[in-house]
Amino acid sequence: MKEVEIKFNVADLAALRKRLRALKLKLKTRRTHEFNTLYDLPDGSLRQRGEILRLRKYGEQWKLTHKARGSAGRHKSREEMETLIEDGKQMEKIIEALGYRPSFRYEKFREEWSSGNGHVVVDETPIGNIAEIEGSPRWIDQTAKKLGIEKSGYSTKSYAELFTDWKQKTGSSAEDMTWKAIGRRKR
């Protein structure tokens, strides 16, 4: 599967939700806690190749995802393979037995909206509110425009990159993008 997306900062969650409803997007998943662990080999070779191996717990559901090196122009595009995992704790042990180590952890509360042609996900993170628009490049641009998002407001950065930017801006010494690491309470 090819993932095509952009991210943008959200100043007003209530206003964004109102716009999504006005555009006739349907709430597919209510606000759900999500915890992600990225894995890499000790030499950092996955990151160096621009790849991601992620184990995600979304509510009570676990998923293992591999994302290939992508391309980023106005939109970020990359191949993504994903599968449901029955036992996430056991999968963690398998991944680590293969020599991979946790390289970055991040959490958020996510809600998912859909039009049938694409998705908008709204993430409440320890470093601020961020939304993603996923779909065809044309649908992304049309939806962003309807939401009042200028192309200059698009971001193709990963959460790890956004976290690094936030750390540089704030001077934080946190190593992971979790409420505990940053010293903030979950909302």
Protein backbone atom coordinates (compact mmCIF):
# COMPACT_ATOMS: atom_id res chain seq x y z
CA MET A 1 0.00 0.00 0.00
CA LYS A 2 1.23 3.49 -0.80
CA GLU A 3 0.70 6.10 1.88
CA VAL A 4 0.40 9.73 0.72
CA GLU A 5 -0.05 12.39 3.38
CA ILE A 6 0.66 15.81 4.79
CA LYS A 7 0.59 17.02 8.38
CA PHE A 8 -0.39 20.42 9.71
CA ASN A 9 -0.53 22.09 13.13
CA VAL A 10 -3.94 22.55 14.72
CA ALA A 11 -4.52 25.60 16.89
CA ASP A 12 -8.22 24.97 17.61
CA LEU A 13 -9.41 21.35 17.79
CA ALA A 14 -13.09 22.28 18.16
CA ALA A 15 -12.97 24.48 15.06
CA LEU A 16 -11.25 21.74 13.04
CA ARG A 17 -13.85 19.15 14.10
CA LYS A 18 -16.63 21.57 13.10
CA ARG A 19 -15.07 22.03 9.65
CA LEU A 20 -14.66 18.26 9.21
CA ARG A 21 -18.36 17.74 9.96
CA ALA A 22 -19.28 20.57 7.56
CA LEU A 23 -17.28 18.77 4.83
CA LYS A 24 -19.39 15.65 5.54
CA LEU A 25 -16.46 13.62 6.83
CA LYS A 26 -17.60 10.89 9.20
CA LEU A 27 -15.96 10.15 12.52
CA LYS A 28 -14.68 6.58 12.08
CA THR A 29 -12.71 6.24 15.32
CA ARG A 30 -13.35 8.24 18.45
CA ARG A 31 -10.46 9.70 20.43
CA THR A 32 -8.27 6.69 21.24
CA HIS A 33 -4.93 6.43 23.01
CA GLU A 34 -2.08 5.31 20.78
CA PHE A 35 1.42 4.27 21.83
CA ASN A 36 4.15 3.71 19.25
CA THR A 37 7.63 2.23 19.46
CA LEU A 38 10.05 2.58 16.57
CA TYR A 39 12.76 -0.07 16.33
CA ASP A 40 16.16 -0.01 14.69
CA LEU A 41 19.30 -2.11 14.65
CA PRO A 42 22.10 -0.96 16.98
CA ASP A 43 23.95 0.64 14.04
CA GLY A 44 20.89 2.74 13.11
CA SER A 45 20.76 1.22 9.63
CA LEU A 46 16.98 1.40 9.26
CA ARG A 47 16.97 5.13 9.98
CA GLN A 48 19.95 5.63 7.68
CA ARG A 49 17.98 3.97 4.87
CA GLY A 50 14.93 6.11 5.66
CA GLU A 51 12.87 3.11 6.80
CA ILE A 52 10.68 2.59 9.84
CA LEU A 53 9.76 -0.52 11.80
CA ARG A 54 6.94 0.39 14.18
CA LEU A 55 4.91 -1.50 16.75
CA ARG A 56 1.72 0.39 17.60
CA LYS A 57 -0.88 -0.15 20.29
CA TYR A 58 -4.07 1.67 19.30
CA GLY A 59 -6.66 1.20 22.00
CA GLU A 60 -6.51 -2.58 22.52
CA GLN A 61 -5.34 -3.33 18.98
CA TRP A 62 -1.68 -3.96 18.03
CA LYS A 63 -0.17 -3.40 14.56
CA LEU A 64 3.29 -3.97 13.14
CA THR A 65 4.26 -1.62 10.33
CA HIS A 66 7.19 -1.28 7.97
CA LYS A 67 7.53 1.94 6.01
CA ALA A 68 10.01 2.11 3.14
CA ARG A 69 12.06 5.17 2.23
CA GLY A 70 9.65 7.73 0.95
CA SER A 71 9.75 10.76 -1.24
CA ALA A 72 8.72 14.16 -0.04
CA GLY A 73 7.65 16.98 -2.26
CA ARG A 74 4.54 18.86 -1.30
CA HIS A 75 3.18 15.49 -0.07
CA LYS A 76 4.99 12.62 1.60
CA SER A 77 4.66 9.31 -0.23
CA ARG A 78 6.00 5.90 0.76
CA GLU A 79 5.26 2.21 0.61
CA GLU A 80 3.73 0.88 3.80
CA MET A 81 3.14 -2.70 4.90
CA GLU A 82 1.07 -3.32 8.00
CA THR A 83 -0.45 -6.27 9.81
CA LEU A 84 -2.50 -6.82 12.94
CA ILE A 85 -0.69 -8.53 15.81
CA GLU A 86 -2.54 -10.71 18.29
CA ASP A 87 -0.02 -10.37 21.13
CA GLY A 88 1.93 -7.10 21.10
CA LYS A 89 4.03 -7.90 24.17
CA GLN A 90 5.18 -11.15 22.55
CA MET A 91 5.90 -9.27 19.30
CA GLU A 92 8.14 -6.87 21.24
CA LYS A 93 10.16 -9.87 22.46
CA ILE A 94 10.42 -11.29 18.93
CA ILE A 95 11.60 -7.98 17.46
CA GLU A 96 14.22 -7.60 20.18
CA ALA A 97 15.32 -11.25 19.80
CA LEU A 98 16.05 -10.42 16.15
CA GLY A 99 18.47 -7.71 17.27
CA TYR A 100 16.26 -4.64 16.98
CA ARG A 101 16.11 -2.13 19.82
CA PRO A 102 13.60 0.60 20.65
CA SER A 103 14.88 3.83 19.08
CA PHE A 104 11.98 6.22 19.73
CA ARG A 105 8.67 6.11 21.54
CA TYR A 106 5.76 8.45 21.04
CA GLU A 107 2.16 8.61 22.11
CA LYS A 108 -0.93 10.55 21.25
CA PHE A 109 -4.68 10.51 21.30
CA ARG A 110 -6.01 9.99 17.78
CA GLU A 111 -9.40 10.29 16.16
CA GLU A 112 -10.01 9.30 12.56
CA TRP A 113 -12.36 10.95 10.08
CA SER A 114 -13.16 9.64 6.59
CA SER A 115 -14.88 10.82 3.44
CA GLY A 116 -14.59 7.51 1.60
CA ASN A 117 -11.91 9.09 -0.63
CA GLY A 118 -9.40 9.83 2.10
CA HIS A 119 -8.84 10.31 5.80
CA VAL A 120 -8.12 13.11 8.21
CA VAL A 121 -6.62 12.07 11.52
CA VAL A 122 -6.49 14.44 14.45
CA ASP A 123 -3.70 13.81 16.94
CA GLU A 124 -3.36 15.33 20.39
CA THR A 125 0.33 14.89 21.23
CA PRO A 126 2.57 15.97 24.11
CA ILE A 127 4.10 18.60 21.79
CA GLY A 128 0.83 19.99 20.42
CA ASN A 129 -2.11 19.15 18.19
CA ILE A 130 -1.30 17.88 14.72
CA ALA A 131 -3.55 16.57 11.95
CA GLU A 132 -2.79 14.47 8.91
CA ILE A 133 -4.62 14.35 5.62
CA GLU A 134 -4.17 11.05 3.78
CA GLY A 135 -5.39 10.19 0.30
CA SER A 136 -4.58 11.03 -3.29
CA PRO A 137 -2.51 14.21 -3.75
CA ARG A 138 -5.49 15.93 -5.38
CA TRP A 139 -7.87 14.97 -2.56
CA ILE A 140 -5.31 16.10 0.03
CA ASP A 141 -4.95 19.52 -1.61
CA GLN A 142 -8.71 19.96 -2.06
CA THR A 143 -9.43 18.96 1.53
CA ALA A 144 -6.65 21.14 2.93
CA LYS A 145 -7.99 24.11 0.98
CA LYS A 146 -11.52 23.51 2.29
CA LEU A 147 -10.10 23.32 5.83
CA GLY A 148 -8.28 26.63 5.32
CA ILE A 149 -4.80 25.07 5.30
CA GLU A 150 -2.35 26.85 3.02
CA LYS A 151 0.25 24.77 1.18
CA SER A 152 2.88 26.67 3.14
CA GLY A 153 1.39 25.06 6.27
CA TYR A 154 1.98 21.51 4.98
CA SER A 155 4.59 19.36 6.70
CA THR A 156 5.99 16.06 5.46
CA LYS A 157 8.02 15.47 8.61
CA SER A 158 7.70 12.34 10.71
CA TYR A 159 6.75 12.52 14.38
CA ALA A 160 10.41 11.86 15.25
CA GLU A 161 11.46 14.86 13.13
CA LEU A 162 8.72 17.07 14.60
CA PHE A 163 9.84 16.02 18.07
CA THR A 164 13.47 16.89 17.27
CA ASP A 165 12.35 20.33 16.04
CA TRP A 166 10.29 20.81 19.22
CA LYS A 167 13.27 19.84 21.41
CA GLN A 168 15.51 22.36 19.65
CA LYS A 169 12.88 25.06 20.05
CA THR A 170 12.14 24.35 23.71
CA GLY A 171 15.52 23.10 24.95
CA SER A 172 13.87 19.95 26.32
CA SER A 173 16.09 17.01 27.22
CA ALA A 174 13.28 14.45 26.71
CA GLU A 175 14.28 11.44 24.62
CA ASP A 176 10.77 10.24 23.78
CA MET A 177 7.57 12.04 22.81
CA THR A 178 5.49 10.74 25.71
CA TRP A 179 3.61 12.68 28.35
CA LYS A 180 5.78 11.14 31.06
CA ALA A 181 9.07 12.00 29.32
CA ILE A 182 7.97 15.57 28.67
CA GLY A 183 6.46 15.98 32.13
CA ARG A 184 2.93 16.70 30.99
CA ARG A 185 -0.28 14.99 31.99
CA LYS A 186 -2.35 13.04 29.50
CA ARG A 187 -5.45 15.00 28.61
